[in-house]
C-alpha atoms as a PDB file:
ATOM      1  CA  MET A   1     -23.729 -16.176  -1.679  1.00  0.00           C
ATOM      2  CA  ALA A   2     -21.994 -18.761  -3.852  1.00  0.00           C
ATOM      3  CA  ASP A   3     -18.286 -19.338  -3.282  1.00  0.00           C
ATOM      4  CA  MET A   4     -17.185 -17.719  -6.558  1.00  0.00           C
ATOM      5  CA  GLU A   5     -19.468 -14.744  -5.954  1.00  0.00           C
ATOM      6  CA  ALA A   6     -18.017 -14.353  -2.463  1.00  0.00           C
ATOM      7  CA  GLN A   7     -14.470 -14.441  -3.855  1.00  0.00           C
ATOM      8  CA  VAL A   8     -15.260 -11.791  -6.474  1.00  0.00           C
ATOM      9  CA  ALA A   9     -17.093  -9.597  -3.937  1.00  0.00           C
ATOM     10  CA  GLU A  10     -14.140  -9.788  -1.540  1.00  0.00           C
ATOM     11  CA  ALA A  11     -11.662  -9.011  -4.340  1.00  0.00           C
ATOM     12  CA  LEU A  12     -13.701  -5.958  -5.393  1.00  0.00           C
ATOM     13  CA  ARG A  13     -14.064  -4.761  -1.806  1.00  0.00           C
ATOM     14  CA  THR A  14     -10.329  -5.190  -1.192  1.00  0.00           C
ATOM     15  CA  GLU A  15      -9.382  -3.376  -4.403  1.00  0.00           C
ATOM     16  CA  LEU A  16     -11.733  -0.465  -3.733  1.00  0.00           C
ATOM     17  CA  GLU A  17     -10.378  -0.111  -0.198  1.00  0.00           C
ATOM     18  CA  ARG A  18      -6.797  -0.275  -1.573  1.00  0.00           C
ATOM     19  CA  GLN A  19      -7.598   2.470  -4.075  1.00  0.00           C
ATOM     20  CA  ALA A  20      -9.195   4.596  -1.357  1.00  0.00           C
ATOM     21  CA  GLU A  21      -6.095   4.273   0.810  1.00  0.00           C
ATOM     22  CA  ALA A  22      -3.673   4.915  -2.053  1.00  0.00           C
ATOM     23  CA  THR A  23      -5.347   7.892  -3.708  1.00  0.00           C
ATOM     24  CA  LYS A  24      -7.249   9.759  -0.990  1.00  0.00           C
ATOM     25  CA  THR A  25      -9.679  10.849  -3.770  1.00  0.00           C
ATOM     26  CA  LEU A  26     -11.950   7.881  -3.144  1.00  0.00           C
ATOM     27  CA  ILE A  27     -14.080   7.247  -0.078  1.00  0.00           C
ATOM     28  CA  VAL A  28     -15.330   3.717   0.549  1.00  0.00           C
ATOM     29  CA  THR A  29     -17.768   3.171   3.397  1.00  0.00           C
ATOM     30  CA  PRO A  30     -18.737  -0.434   4.185  1.00  0.00           C
ATOM     31  CA  THR A  31     -22.211  -1.161   5.541  1.00  0.00           C
ATOM     32  CA  GLY A  32     -22.720  -4.867   6.079  1.00  0.00           C
ATOM     33  CA  ASP A  33     -22.534  -6.597   2.712  1.00  0.00           C
ATOM     34  CA  ARG A  34     -22.720  -3.299   0.791  1.00  0.00           C
ATOM     35  CA  LEU A  35     -20.349  -0.434   0.054  1.00  0.00           C
ATOM     36  CA  THR A  36     -20.909   3.244  -0.540  1.00  0.00           C
ATOM     37  CA  VAL A  37     -18.271   4.515  -2.978  1.00  0.00           C
ATOM     38  CA  ASN A  38     -17.657   8.221  -3.608  1.00  0.00           C
ATOM     39  CA  GLY A  39     -14.891   9.404  -5.912  1.00  0.00           C
ATOM     40  CA  ILE A  40     -12.822   8.286  -8.865  1.00  0.00           C
ATOM     41  CA  VAL A  41     -12.394   4.521  -9.361  1.00  0.00           C
ATOM     42  CA  ASP A  42      -9.655   2.936 -11.490  1.00  0.00           C
ATOM     43  CA  LEU A  43     -11.880   0.558 -13.464  1.00  0.00           C
ATOM     44  CA  GLU A  44      -8.956  -1.291 -15.051  1.00  0.00           C
ATOM     45  CA  ALA A  45      -7.548  -2.196 -11.634  1.00  0.00           C
ATOM     46  CA  LEU A  46     -11.021  -3.146 -10.424  1.00  0.00           C
ATOM     47  CA  ALA A  47     -11.570  -5.382 -13.462  1.00  0.00           C
ATOM     48  CA  MET A  48      -8.186  -7.046 -12.907  1.00  0.00           C
ATOM     49  CA  ALA A  49      -9.144  -7.775  -9.295  1.00  0.00           C
ATOM     50  CA  ALA A  50     -12.366  -9.456 -10.456  1.00  0.00           C
ATOM     51  CA  VAL A  51     -10.596 -11.470 -13.158  1.00  0.00           C
ATOM     52  CA  GLY A  52      -7.915 -12.498 -10.685  1.00  0.00           C
ATOM     53  CA  ALA A  53     -10.562 -13.722  -8.250  1.00  0.00           C
ATOM     54  CA  VAL A  54     -12.263 -15.809 -10.942  1.00  0.00           C
ATOM     55  CA  ALA A  55      -8.948 -17.168 -12.242  1.00  0.00           C
ATOM     56  CA  GLY A  56      -7.706 -17.943  -8.760  1.00  0.00           C
ATOM     57  CA  GLY A  57      -5.043 -15.254  -8.717  1.00  0.00           C
ATOM     58  CA  PRO A  58      -3.846 -13.202  -5.736  1.00  0.00           C
END
């Protein structure tokens, strides 16, 4: 996986896990390099995580 792709994937994974912990209405199950996601996802927060990864943000 290219470096930028790895950064975006990690940012998305981290954000989904953060949402799962914060809301308890989302279940995220990691399996290797994939995730199973069940529940409601805040797409705006997820998009911001991806943009932040591309822009070099936190």
